[in-house]
N, C-alpha and C. Protein backbone atom coordinates (compact mmCIF):
# COMPACT_ATOMS: atom_id res chain seq x y z
N MET A 1 -50.46 56.46 -180.75
CA MET A 1 -50.11 56.75 -179.38
C MET A 1 -50.64 58.11 -178.95
N ARG A 2 -50.54 59.07 -179.87
CA ARG A 2 -51.03 60.42 -179.57
C ARG A 2 -52.53 60.41 -179.27
N ASN A 3 -53.30 59.64 -180.06
CA ASN A 3 -54.75 59.53 -179.84
C ASN A 3 -55.06 58.92 -178.48
N PHE A 4 -54.21 57.98 -178.06
CA PHE A 4 -54.40 57.37 -176.75
C PHE A 4 -54.30 58.41 -175.64
N PHE A 5 -53.27 59.28 -175.70
CA PHE A 5 -53.08 60.31 -174.68
C PHE A 5 -54.19 61.37 -174.72
N ILE A 6 -54.63 61.72 -175.92
CA ILE A 6 -55.74 62.68 -176.04
C ILE A 6 -57.01 62.07 -175.42
N SER A 7 -57.28 60.80 -175.72
CA SER A 7 -58.46 60.13 -175.15
C SER A 7 -58.36 60.05 -173.62
N LEU A 8 -57.18 59.69 -173.15
CA LEU A 8 -56.97 59.62 -171.70
C LEU A 8 -57.17 60.98 -171.04
N PHE A 9 -56.65 62.03 -171.65
CA PHE A 9 -56.82 63.39 -171.14
C PHE A 9 -58.29 63.79 -171.09
N LEU A 10 -59.03 63.50 -172.16
CA LEU A 10 -60.46 63.85 -172.20
C LEU A 10 -61.25 63.09 -171.13
N ILE A 11 -61.00 61.81 -170.99
CA ILE A 11 -61.72 61.02 -169.98
C ILE A 11 -61.39 61.52 -168.57
N THR A 12 -60.13 61.78 -168.29
CA THR A 12 -59.73 62.30 -166.99
C THR A 12 -60.37 63.65 -166.72
N SER A 13 -60.39 64.51 -167.72
CA SER A 13 -60.99 65.84 -167.57
C SER A 13 -62.47 65.74 -167.27
N LEU A 14 -63.18 64.87 -168.02
CA LEU A 14 -64.62 64.70 -167.78
C LEU A 14 -64.89 64.16 -166.38
N LEU A 15 -64.12 63.20 -165.94
CA LEU A 15 -64.29 62.67 -164.58
C LEU A 15 -64.04 63.75 -163.54
N PHE A 16 -63.00 64.54 -163.73
CA PHE A 16 -62.69 65.61 -162.79
C PHE A 16 -63.79 66.65 -162.75
N LEU A 17 -64.27 67.07 -163.93
CA LEU A 17 -65.32 68.10 -163.98
C LEU A 17 -66.62 67.60 -163.38
N SER A 18 -66.97 66.33 -163.62
CA SER A 18 -68.22 65.83 -163.04
C SER A 18 -68.14 65.73 -161.53
N SER A 19 -66.94 65.47 -160.98
CA SER A 19 -66.81 65.40 -159.52
C SER A 19 -66.80 66.78 -158.88
N CYS A 20 -66.54 67.83 -159.67
CA CYS A 20 -66.49 69.19 -159.13
C CYS A 20 -67.75 69.98 -159.44
N GLU A 21 -68.82 69.29 -159.78
CA GLU A 21 -70.06 69.97 -160.14
C GLU A 21 -70.48 70.90 -159.02
N ASP A 22 -70.90 72.12 -159.37
CA ASP A 22 -71.26 73.12 -158.37
C ASP A 22 -72.65 72.84 -157.83
N ASN A 23 -72.72 72.45 -156.60
CA ASN A 23 -73.98 72.25 -155.91
C ASN A 23 -73.87 73.07 -154.63
N ARG A 24 -74.44 74.28 -154.63
CA ARG A 24 -74.22 75.23 -153.55
C ARG A 24 -74.46 74.62 -152.18
N VAL A 25 -75.58 73.97 -152.02
CA VAL A 25 -75.89 73.42 -150.71
C VAL A 25 -75.08 72.16 -150.47
N GLY A 26 -75.03 71.29 -151.48
CA GLY A 26 -74.33 70.03 -151.32
C GLY A 26 -72.88 70.22 -150.93
N SER A 27 -72.23 71.23 -151.48
CA SER A 27 -70.82 71.43 -151.16
C SER A 27 -70.63 71.76 -149.69
N LEU A 28 -71.53 72.56 -149.13
CA LEU A 28 -71.44 72.85 -147.70
C LEU A 28 -71.81 71.62 -146.87
N GLU A 29 -72.88 70.94 -147.28
CA GLU A 29 -73.35 69.80 -146.49
C GLU A 29 -72.35 68.66 -146.48
N THR A 30 -71.73 68.39 -147.62
CA THR A 30 -70.82 67.25 -147.65
C THR A 30 -69.56 67.52 -146.84
N ILE A 31 -69.12 68.75 -146.80
CA ILE A 31 -67.91 69.07 -146.05
C ILE A 31 -68.21 69.17 -144.56
N ASN A 32 -69.35 69.79 -144.20
CA ASN A 32 -69.57 70.15 -142.80
C ASN A 32 -70.81 69.54 -142.16
N PHE A 33 -71.58 68.74 -142.89
CA PHE A 33 -72.81 68.20 -142.33
C PHE A 33 -72.54 66.84 -141.71
N ARG A 34 -73.16 66.58 -140.57
CA ARG A 34 -72.96 65.32 -139.86
C ARG A 34 -74.14 64.39 -140.07
N SER A 35 -73.96 63.14 -139.74
CA SER A 35 -75.02 62.15 -139.93
C SER A 35 -76.22 62.40 -139.03
N ASP A 36 -76.05 63.15 -137.94
CA ASP A 36 -77.18 63.42 -137.03
C ASP A 36 -78.01 64.63 -137.48
N GLY A 37 -77.71 65.18 -138.67
CA GLY A 37 -78.50 66.30 -139.19
C GLY A 37 -78.01 67.66 -138.77
N THR A 38 -76.88 67.73 -138.08
CA THR A 38 -76.35 69.01 -137.63
C THR A 38 -75.17 69.41 -138.51
N GLY A 39 -74.78 70.67 -138.44
CA GLY A 39 -73.61 71.13 -139.18
C GLY A 39 -73.83 72.44 -139.88
N LEU A 40 -72.86 72.85 -140.66
CA LEU A 40 -72.88 74.11 -141.39
C LEU A 40 -73.70 73.95 -142.66
N MET A 41 -74.56 74.92 -142.96
CA MET A 41 -75.43 74.81 -144.13
C MET A 41 -75.90 76.17 -144.60
N GLU A 42 -76.44 76.21 -145.82
CA GLU A 42 -77.07 77.40 -146.35
C GLU A 42 -78.55 77.38 -145.98
N MET A 43 -79.11 78.57 -145.80
CA MET A 43 -80.54 78.71 -145.53
C MET A 43 -81.00 80.02 -146.15
N TYR A 44 -82.18 79.99 -146.75
CA TYR A 44 -82.83 81.22 -147.21
C TYR A 44 -84.02 81.47 -146.29
N VAL A 45 -84.23 82.74 -145.94
CA VAL A 45 -85.34 83.14 -145.08
C VAL A 45 -86.18 84.13 -145.86
N ASP A 46 -87.51 83.91 -145.89
CA ASP A 46 -88.40 84.73 -146.71
C ASP A 46 -88.67 86.10 -146.09
N HIS A 47 -89.31 86.96 -146.86
CA HIS A 47 -89.49 88.37 -146.51
C HIS A 47 -90.61 88.63 -145.51
N TYR A 48 -91.37 87.63 -145.16
CA TYR A 48 -92.40 87.79 -144.13
C TYR A 48 -92.41 86.53 -143.28
N ARG A 49 -93.14 86.60 -142.17
CA ARG A 49 -93.15 85.49 -141.22
C ARG A 49 -94.56 84.95 -141.05
N TRP A 50 -94.67 83.79 -140.49
CA TRP A 50 -95.96 83.19 -140.18
C TRP A 50 -96.11 83.11 -138.67
N ILE A 51 -97.33 82.88 -138.25
CA ILE A 51 -97.62 82.85 -136.81
C ILE A 51 -97.96 81.41 -136.42
N GLY A 52 -97.24 80.90 -135.47
CA GLY A 52 -97.47 79.54 -134.99
C GLY A 52 -96.76 79.37 -133.67
N GLY A 53 -96.73 78.17 -133.18
CA GLY A 53 -96.01 77.93 -131.95
C GLY A 53 -96.50 76.71 -131.21
N PHE A 54 -95.74 76.34 -130.21
CA PHE A 54 -96.09 75.19 -129.39
C PHE A 54 -96.89 75.62 -128.18
N GLU A 55 -96.46 76.68 -127.52
CA GLU A 55 -97.19 77.21 -126.37
C GLU A 55 -97.51 78.66 -126.66
N GLY A 56 -98.70 78.91 -127.17
CA GLY A 56 -99.07 80.26 -127.57
C GLY A 56 -98.53 80.57 -128.96
N PHE A 57 -98.83 81.76 -129.42
CA PHE A 57 -98.46 82.16 -130.77
C PHE A 57 -97.16 82.96 -130.76
N HIS A 58 -96.34 82.73 -131.77
CA HIS A 58 -95.08 83.44 -131.97
C HIS A 58 -94.84 83.57 -133.46
N PHE A 59 -94.01 84.56 -133.86
CA PHE A 59 -93.60 84.65 -135.25
C PHE A 59 -92.55 83.59 -135.55
N LYS A 60 -92.70 82.94 -136.68
CA LYS A 60 -91.77 81.90 -137.14
C LYS A 60 -91.33 82.25 -138.56
N TYR A 61 -90.26 81.60 -139.01
CA TYR A 61 -89.71 81.88 -140.34
C TYR A 61 -90.23 80.92 -141.40
N PHE A 62 -90.35 81.42 -142.63
CA PHE A 62 -90.44 80.57 -143.81
C PHE A 62 -89.02 80.40 -144.31
N THR A 63 -88.56 79.17 -144.50
CA THR A 63 -87.17 78.94 -144.88
C THR A 63 -87.07 77.96 -146.05
N GLN A 64 -85.91 78.01 -146.69
CA GLN A 64 -85.51 77.01 -147.68
C GLN A 64 -84.15 76.47 -147.26
N GLU A 65 -84.05 75.15 -147.32
CA GLU A 65 -82.78 74.46 -147.03
C GLU A 65 -82.60 73.37 -148.07
N GLY A 66 -81.38 72.95 -148.27
CA GLY A 66 -81.10 71.80 -149.12
C GLY A 66 -81.68 71.94 -150.51
N SER A 67 -82.41 70.91 -150.95
CA SER A 67 -82.93 70.88 -152.32
C SER A 67 -84.06 71.88 -152.55
N GLU A 68 -84.61 72.48 -151.48
CA GLU A 68 -85.66 73.49 -151.65
C GLU A 68 -85.11 74.82 -152.17
N ILE A 69 -83.81 75.08 -151.94
CA ILE A 69 -83.23 76.37 -152.31
C ILE A 69 -83.39 76.61 -153.80
N GLY A 70 -83.93 77.78 -154.12
CA GLY A 70 -84.13 78.16 -155.52
C GLY A 70 -85.45 77.71 -156.09
N THR A 71 -86.25 76.99 -155.29
CA THR A 71 -87.57 76.56 -155.76
C THR A 71 -88.62 77.54 -155.23
N LYS A 72 -89.89 77.23 -155.49
CA LYS A 72 -90.98 78.06 -154.97
C LYS A 72 -91.49 77.53 -153.63
N LYS A 73 -90.89 76.45 -153.13
CA LYS A 73 -91.33 75.83 -151.88
C LYS A 73 -90.65 76.49 -150.69
N TRP A 74 -91.44 76.96 -149.74
CA TRP A 74 -90.95 77.52 -148.47
C TRP A 74 -91.53 76.70 -147.34
N THR A 75 -90.68 76.29 -146.42
CA THR A 75 -91.10 75.46 -145.30
C THR A 75 -91.35 76.32 -144.07
N ARG A 76 -92.40 76.00 -143.34
CA ARG A 76 -92.67 76.68 -142.07
C ARG A 76 -91.70 76.13 -141.04
N ASN A 77 -90.80 76.96 -140.59
CA ASN A 77 -89.73 76.53 -139.70
C ASN A 77 -90.02 76.99 -138.27
N TYR A 78 -90.09 76.05 -137.35
CA TYR A 78 -90.37 76.36 -135.94
C TYR A 78 -89.12 76.75 -135.16
N SER A 79 -87.95 76.49 -135.73
CA SER A 79 -86.70 76.65 -134.98
C SER A 79 -86.17 78.07 -135.04
N PRO A 80 -85.63 78.57 -133.93
CA PRO A 80 -85.05 79.92 -133.91
C PRO A 80 -83.68 79.96 -134.58
N VAL A 81 -83.28 81.18 -135.02
CA VAL A 81 -81.95 81.42 -135.55
C VAL A 81 -81.28 82.41 -134.60
N GLU A 82 -80.32 81.93 -133.81
CA GLU A 82 -79.65 82.79 -132.84
C GLU A 82 -78.81 83.85 -133.54
N ASN A 83 -78.80 85.05 -132.96
CA ASN A 83 -77.99 86.20 -133.43
C ASN A 83 -78.42 86.72 -134.80
N PHE A 84 -79.65 86.44 -135.22
CA PHE A 84 -80.16 86.87 -136.52
C PHE A 84 -81.07 88.07 -136.31
N ASP A 85 -80.71 89.21 -136.87
CA ASP A 85 -81.49 90.45 -136.76
C ASP A 85 -82.40 90.55 -137.99
N TYR A 86 -83.55 89.91 -137.91
CA TYR A 86 -84.49 89.81 -139.03
C TYR A 86 -85.24 91.12 -139.23
N GLU A 87 -85.44 91.49 -140.47
CA GLU A 87 -86.23 92.68 -140.83
C GLU A 87 -87.24 92.27 -141.90
N TRP A 88 -88.53 92.54 -141.63
CA TRP A 88 -89.58 92.24 -142.60
C TRP A 88 -89.29 92.96 -143.91
N GLY A 89 -89.71 92.35 -145.02
CA GLY A 89 -89.57 92.98 -146.33
C GLY A 89 -88.27 92.64 -147.03
N TYR A 90 -87.46 91.75 -146.44
CA TYR A 90 -86.18 91.35 -147.04
C TYR A 90 -86.08 89.83 -147.07
N ARG A 91 -85.53 89.32 -148.16
CA ARG A 91 -85.23 87.89 -148.27
C ARG A 91 -83.74 87.73 -147.99
N TYR A 92 -83.41 86.77 -147.14
CA TYR A 92 -82.04 86.57 -146.68
C TYR A 92 -81.44 85.27 -147.21
N HIS A 93 -80.17 85.33 -147.52
CA HIS A 93 -79.37 84.14 -147.79
C HIS A 93 -78.36 84.06 -146.64
N LEU A 94 -78.43 82.98 -145.88
CA LEU A 94 -77.61 82.85 -144.67
C LEU A 94 -76.73 81.61 -144.72
N ILE A 95 -75.64 81.67 -144.01
CA ILE A 95 -74.87 80.49 -143.64
C ILE A 95 -75.14 80.31 -142.14
N VAL A 96 -75.65 79.14 -141.78
CA VAL A 96 -76.01 78.87 -140.39
C VAL A 96 -75.38 77.55 -139.95
N LYS A 97 -75.31 77.40 -138.64
CA LYS A 97 -74.90 76.11 -138.07
C LYS A 97 -76.14 75.52 -137.42
N LYS A 98 -76.57 74.37 -137.91
CA LYS A 98 -77.73 73.68 -137.36
C LYS A 98 -77.26 72.84 -136.18
N LYS A 99 -77.91 73.04 -135.02
CA LYS A 99 -77.48 72.36 -133.79
C LYS A 99 -78.68 71.67 -133.14
N LYS A 100 -78.40 70.64 -132.38
CA LYS A 100 -79.43 69.96 -131.59
C LYS A 100 -79.44 70.53 -130.19
N TYR A 101 -80.64 70.64 -129.61
CA TYR A 101 -80.73 71.00 -128.19
C TYR A 101 -80.18 69.84 -127.36
N ASP A 102 -79.33 70.17 -126.41
CA ASP A 102 -78.77 69.15 -125.54
C ASP A 102 -78.80 69.65 -124.11
N PRO A 103 -79.68 69.16 -123.26
CA PRO A 103 -80.64 68.09 -123.51
C PRO A 103 -81.82 68.61 -124.33
N PRO A 104 -82.59 67.69 -124.93
CA PRO A 104 -83.76 68.10 -125.71
C PRO A 104 -84.76 68.87 -124.84
N ILE A 105 -85.47 69.80 -125.46
CA ILE A 105 -86.48 70.60 -124.76
C ILE A 105 -87.85 70.02 -125.09
N ILE A 106 -88.63 69.75 -124.06
CA ILE A 106 -89.96 69.17 -124.26
C ILE A 106 -90.83 70.16 -125.03
N ASP A 107 -91.64 69.64 -125.95
CA ASP A 107 -92.56 70.44 -126.77
C ASP A 107 -91.84 71.52 -127.57
N SER A 108 -90.66 71.20 -128.04
CA SER A 108 -89.88 72.15 -128.82
C SER A 108 -89.28 71.41 -130.00
N PRO A 109 -88.97 72.13 -131.09
CA PRO A 109 -88.30 71.44 -132.20
C PRO A 109 -86.93 70.92 -131.74
N PRO A 110 -86.43 69.85 -132.36
CA PRO A 110 -85.17 69.26 -131.90
C PRO A 110 -83.93 70.09 -132.27
N PHE A 111 -84.08 70.97 -133.28
CA PHE A 111 -82.93 71.73 -133.77
C PHE A 111 -83.11 73.22 -133.56
N PHE A 112 -82.00 73.94 -133.52
CA PHE A 112 -82.00 75.39 -133.62
C PHE A 112 -80.81 75.76 -134.49
N TYR A 113 -80.75 77.02 -134.89
CA TYR A 113 -79.70 77.47 -135.80
C TYR A 113 -78.91 78.60 -135.16
N GLU A 114 -77.64 78.64 -135.47
CA GLU A 114 -76.77 79.75 -135.06
C GLU A 114 -76.30 80.45 -136.34
N LEU A 115 -76.53 81.76 -136.41
CA LEU A 115 -76.12 82.51 -137.59
C LEU A 115 -74.60 82.58 -137.66
N ILE A 116 -74.04 82.22 -138.81
CA ILE A 116 -72.61 82.34 -139.06
C ILE A 116 -72.34 83.58 -139.91
N LYS A 117 -73.17 83.76 -140.97
CA LYS A 117 -72.93 84.87 -141.89
C LYS A 117 -74.21 85.19 -142.67
N VAL A 118 -74.47 86.50 -142.87
CA VAL A 118 -75.52 86.93 -143.80
C VAL A 118 -74.83 87.12 -145.14
N VAL A 119 -75.14 86.25 -146.09
CA VAL A 119 -74.53 86.32 -147.42
C VAL A 119 -75.16 87.44 -148.23
N SER A 120 -76.50 87.55 -148.15
CA SER A 120 -77.19 88.64 -148.86
C SER A 120 -78.50 88.96 -148.17
N LYS A 121 -78.96 90.19 -148.39
CA LYS A 121 -80.22 90.70 -147.86
C LYS A 121 -80.85 91.49 -149.01
N THR A 122 -81.95 90.96 -149.58
CA THR A 122 -82.55 91.52 -150.78
C THR A 122 -83.96 92.03 -150.48
N LYS A 123 -84.22 93.29 -150.81
CA LYS A 123 -85.53 93.90 -150.57
C LYS A 123 -86.57 93.27 -151.49
N VAL A 124 -87.76 93.00 -150.94
CA VAL A 124 -88.87 92.43 -151.71
C VAL A 124 -90.02 93.43 -151.68
N ASP A 125 -90.38 93.95 -152.84
CA ASP A 125 -91.45 94.94 -152.96
C ASP A 125 -92.61 94.37 -153.78
N ASP A 126 -93.76 95.01 -153.65
CA ASP A 126 -94.93 94.74 -154.51
C ASP A 126 -95.36 93.28 -154.55
N VAL A 127 -95.20 92.58 -153.45
CA VAL A 127 -95.63 91.19 -153.37
C VAL A 127 -96.62 91.10 -152.21
N THR A 128 -97.75 90.44 -152.45
CA THR A 128 -98.70 90.25 -151.36
C THR A 128 -98.43 88.91 -150.68
N PHE A 129 -98.80 88.84 -149.41
CA PHE A 129 -98.65 87.60 -148.65
C PHE A 129 -99.79 87.51 -147.66
N LYS A 130 -100.11 86.27 -147.28
CA LYS A 130 -101.27 86.01 -146.42
C LYS A 130 -100.82 85.54 -145.04
N ILE A 131 -101.49 86.08 -144.02
CA ILE A 131 -101.26 85.64 -142.65
C ILE A 131 -102.63 85.35 -142.01
N PRO A 132 -102.87 84.08 -141.64
CA PRO A 132 -104.13 83.78 -140.94
C PRO A 132 -104.15 84.44 -139.57
N ILE A 133 -105.29 84.99 -139.22
CA ILE A 133 -105.48 85.60 -137.90
C ILE A 133 -106.55 84.78 -137.18
N TYR A 134 -106.09 83.99 -136.21
CA TYR A 134 -106.98 83.13 -135.44
C TYR A 134 -107.33 83.84 -134.14
N THR A 135 -108.56 83.65 -133.71
CA THR A 135 -108.97 84.26 -132.44
C THR A 135 -109.56 83.21 -131.51
N THR A 136 -109.26 81.94 -131.77
CA THR A 136 -109.91 80.87 -131.01
C THR A 136 -108.98 80.16 -130.04
N CYS A 137 -107.81 80.66 -129.77
CA CYS A 137 -106.87 80.01 -128.86
C CYS A 137 -107.03 80.60 -127.46
N SER A 138 -107.65 79.85 -126.57
CA SER A 138 -107.85 80.39 -125.22
C SER A 138 -106.53 80.39 -124.47
N GLY A 139 -106.25 81.47 -123.78
CA GLY A 139 -105.02 81.60 -123.02
C GLY A 139 -103.82 82.04 -123.83
N CYS A 140 -103.97 82.17 -125.15
CA CYS A 140 -102.85 82.57 -126.01
C CYS A 140 -102.78 84.09 -126.11
N THR A 141 -101.59 84.59 -126.43
CA THR A 141 -101.46 86.00 -126.77
C THR A 141 -102.32 86.24 -128.00
N PRO A 142 -103.20 87.24 -127.98
CA PRO A 142 -104.02 87.49 -129.16
C PRO A 142 -103.14 87.84 -130.37
N ILE A 143 -103.50 87.31 -131.52
CA ILE A 143 -102.73 87.62 -132.73
C ILE A 143 -102.96 89.06 -133.13
N LEU A 144 -104.21 89.49 -133.18
CA LEU A 144 -104.55 90.86 -133.56
C LEU A 144 -104.74 91.69 -132.30
N THR A 145 -103.92 92.70 -132.13
CA THR A 145 -104.03 93.57 -130.96
C THR A 145 -104.16 95.02 -131.40
N GLY A 146 -104.58 95.88 -130.47
CA GLY A 146 -104.74 97.30 -130.76
C GLY A 146 -106.17 97.66 -131.08
N SER A 147 -106.33 98.87 -131.63
CA SER A 147 -107.66 99.36 -131.97
C SER A 147 -107.56 100.27 -133.19
N GLN A 148 -108.72 100.65 -133.71
CA GLN A 148 -108.75 101.52 -134.88
C GLN A 148 -108.13 102.88 -134.55
N SER A 149 -108.36 103.38 -133.33
CA SER A 149 -107.82 104.70 -132.96
C SER A 149 -106.33 104.65 -132.61
N ASP A 150 -105.89 103.56 -131.97
CA ASP A 150 -104.48 103.45 -131.54
C ASP A 150 -103.59 102.76 -132.56
N GLY A 151 -104.20 102.09 -133.51
CA GLY A 151 -103.45 101.32 -134.50
C GLY A 151 -103.42 99.85 -134.11
N TYR A 152 -103.28 99.00 -135.12
CA TYR A 152 -103.27 97.56 -134.91
C TYR A 152 -101.86 97.01 -135.03
N SER A 153 -101.68 95.84 -134.43
CA SER A 153 -100.42 95.11 -134.61
C SER A 153 -100.70 93.62 -134.50
N LEU A 154 -99.74 92.84 -134.95
CA LEU A 154 -99.79 91.39 -134.81
C LEU A 154 -98.90 91.01 -133.63
N LEU A 155 -99.45 90.22 -132.72
CA LEU A 155 -98.73 89.75 -131.53
C LEU A 155 -98.08 90.89 -130.74
N ASN A 156 -98.73 92.01 -130.69
CA ASN A 156 -98.25 93.19 -129.97
C ASN A 156 -96.89 93.70 -130.44
N SER A 157 -96.44 93.28 -131.64
CA SER A 157 -95.10 93.71 -132.05
C SER A 157 -95.01 94.18 -133.50
N LYS A 158 -95.72 93.57 -134.42
CA LYS A 158 -95.61 93.96 -135.83
C LYS A 158 -96.74 94.91 -136.17
N LYS A 159 -96.40 96.19 -136.38
CA LYS A 159 -97.41 97.21 -136.64
C LYS A 159 -98.05 97.02 -138.02
N ILE A 160 -99.37 97.26 -138.05
CA ILE A 160 -100.17 97.10 -139.27
C ILE A 160 -100.74 98.46 -139.67
N ASP A 161 -100.63 98.80 -140.94
CA ASP A 161 -101.39 99.90 -141.52
C ASP A 161 -102.64 99.24 -142.09
N CYS A 162 -103.82 99.53 -141.51
CA CYS A 162 -105.03 98.83 -141.94
C CYS A 162 -105.58 99.36 -143.26
N GLY A 163 -104.96 100.39 -143.83
CA GLY A 163 -105.34 100.88 -145.16
C GLY A 163 -106.82 101.17 -145.28
N ASN A 164 -107.46 100.58 -146.27
CA ASN A 164 -108.90 100.78 -146.51
C ASN A 164 -109.75 99.75 -145.78
N PHE A 165 -109.16 98.99 -144.88
CA PHE A 165 -109.88 97.89 -144.23
C PHE A 165 -109.96 98.06 -142.71
N CYS A 166 -109.86 99.30 -142.22
CA CYS A 166 -109.86 99.54 -140.77
C CYS A 166 -111.17 99.11 -140.12
N GLU A 167 -112.28 99.43 -140.74
CA GLU A 167 -113.58 99.07 -140.14
C GLU A 167 -113.76 97.55 -140.14
N GLU A 168 -113.38 96.89 -141.22
CA GLU A 168 -113.49 95.43 -141.28
C GLU A 168 -112.60 94.77 -140.23
N LEU A 169 -111.41 95.32 -140.03
CA LEU A 169 -110.48 94.76 -139.05
C LEU A 169 -111.03 94.96 -137.62
N ALA A 170 -111.67 96.11 -137.39
CA ALA A 170 -112.29 96.36 -136.08
C ALA A 170 -113.39 95.33 -135.82
N GLU A 171 -114.15 95.00 -136.84
CA GLU A 171 -115.22 94.01 -136.69
C GLU A 171 -114.64 92.61 -136.44
N VAL A 172 -113.56 92.28 -137.12
CA VAL A 172 -112.89 91.00 -136.90
C VAL A 172 -112.47 90.87 -135.44
N LYS A 173 -111.87 91.93 -134.91
CA LYS A 173 -111.39 91.91 -133.52
C LYS A 173 -112.56 91.86 -132.54
N GLU A 174 -113.57 92.66 -132.79
CA GLU A 174 -114.72 92.73 -131.88
C GLU A 174 -115.47 91.41 -131.83
N LYS A 175 -115.69 90.78 -132.99
CA LYS A 175 -116.47 89.55 -133.04
C LYS A 175 -115.61 88.29 -132.95
N GLU A 176 -114.30 88.49 -132.75
CA GLU A 176 -113.36 87.38 -132.63
C GLU A 176 -113.49 86.40 -133.77
N LYS A 177 -113.47 86.93 -134.98
CA LYS A 177 -113.53 86.10 -136.18
C LYS A 177 -112.13 85.61 -136.53
N SER A 178 -112.06 84.48 -137.20
CA SER A 178 -110.81 84.00 -137.77
C SER A 178 -110.84 84.31 -139.26
N ILE A 179 -109.82 84.98 -139.74
CA ILE A 179 -109.76 85.39 -141.15
C ILE A 179 -108.34 85.21 -141.68
N ILE A 180 -108.20 85.41 -142.97
CA ILE A 180 -106.87 85.45 -143.59
C ILE A 180 -106.66 86.88 -144.06
N ALA A 181 -105.62 87.51 -143.53
CA ALA A 181 -105.29 88.89 -143.89
C ALA A 181 -104.25 88.87 -145.01
N ILE A 182 -104.44 89.74 -146.00
CA ILE A 182 -103.51 89.85 -147.12
C ILE A 182 -102.75 91.16 -146.95
N PHE A 183 -101.42 91.07 -146.92
CA PHE A 183 -100.57 92.22 -146.65
C PHE A 183 -99.57 92.47 -147.77
N GLN A 184 -98.98 93.68 -147.72
CA GLN A 184 -97.79 94.03 -148.49
C GLN A 184 -96.83 94.73 -147.55
N ASN A 185 -95.53 94.63 -147.82
CA ASN A 185 -94.54 95.35 -147.03
C ASN A 185 -94.58 96.83 -147.37
N LYS A 186 -94.37 97.68 -146.37
CA LYS A 186 -94.27 99.14 -146.57
C LYS A 186 -92.83 99.57 -146.33
N GLU A 187 -92.50 100.77 -146.79
CA GLU A 187 -91.14 101.31 -146.67
C GLU A 187 -90.68 101.46 -145.22
N ASN A 188 -91.57 101.82 -144.32
CA ASN A 188 -91.18 102.15 -142.95
C ASN A 188 -91.12 100.93 -142.03
N GLY A 189 -91.11 99.73 -142.58
CA GLY A 189 -91.07 98.52 -141.76
C GLY A 189 -92.42 98.00 -141.34
N MET A 190 -93.47 98.76 -141.61
CA MET A 190 -94.81 98.29 -141.32
C MET A 190 -95.30 97.40 -142.47
N ILE A 191 -96.42 96.74 -142.23
CA ILE A 191 -97.09 96.03 -143.31
C ILE A 191 -98.45 96.65 -143.49
N ILE A 192 -98.92 96.72 -144.74
CA ILE A 192 -100.22 97.33 -145.03
C ILE A 192 -101.21 96.25 -145.42
N LEU A 193 -102.39 96.33 -144.84
CA LEU A 193 -103.46 95.39 -145.13
C LEU A 193 -104.08 95.76 -146.48
N VAL A 194 -104.10 94.82 -147.43
CA VAL A 194 -104.64 95.10 -148.76
C VAL A 194 -105.84 94.24 -149.08
N GLY A 195 -106.23 93.34 -148.17
CA GLY A 195 -107.39 92.51 -148.40
C GLY A 195 -107.65 91.57 -147.25
N LEU A 196 -108.87 91.03 -147.21
CA LEU A 196 -109.28 90.06 -146.19
C LEU A 196 -110.02 88.91 -146.87
N GLU A 197 -109.78 87.70 -146.39
CA GLU A 197 -110.51 86.52 -146.85
C GLU A 197 -111.09 85.83 -145.63
N SER A 198 -112.33 85.30 -145.79
CA SER A 198 -112.89 84.58 -144.65
C SER A 198 -112.60 83.11 -144.72
């Protein structure tokens, strides 16, 4: 009889433990996620942004959601995060509420995010990243703005230290070339150009 109760206890314990398995994203999604894809969720935002958009160029986030969290895969996310004070050079762990536009906005992603909480903000140093600089979009805000004497920026907002590549960057702007710029984050919130690829 004693062996029966021990066996029953072990089986019950195993069933209980397997149902309580820690799945960081899954636990939030199962409690608060709806069938329409909206609800409370975790999101990671990378330390730099990419340039894209539907009407002209804008900075967008690289994000991880769901099963991507903790992997090397970062998704180009077109959707804004309301009330999020983003700073280049930091990787963020966020709790957000994913919402649908109601009514839907033409030529816009169907979802947007509302920041609920910044769980962590981690500085990222000594990592290079690539940002394509296109100059072929007529009517768009130019990606590369400024000059060698006044300083360069991306989309008139993100200041660039052109480092040892100022003359090459001037030629890119003058000849309207499309290139891939390789950057690193700097201490003062700027990014420094460390290489160019054609």
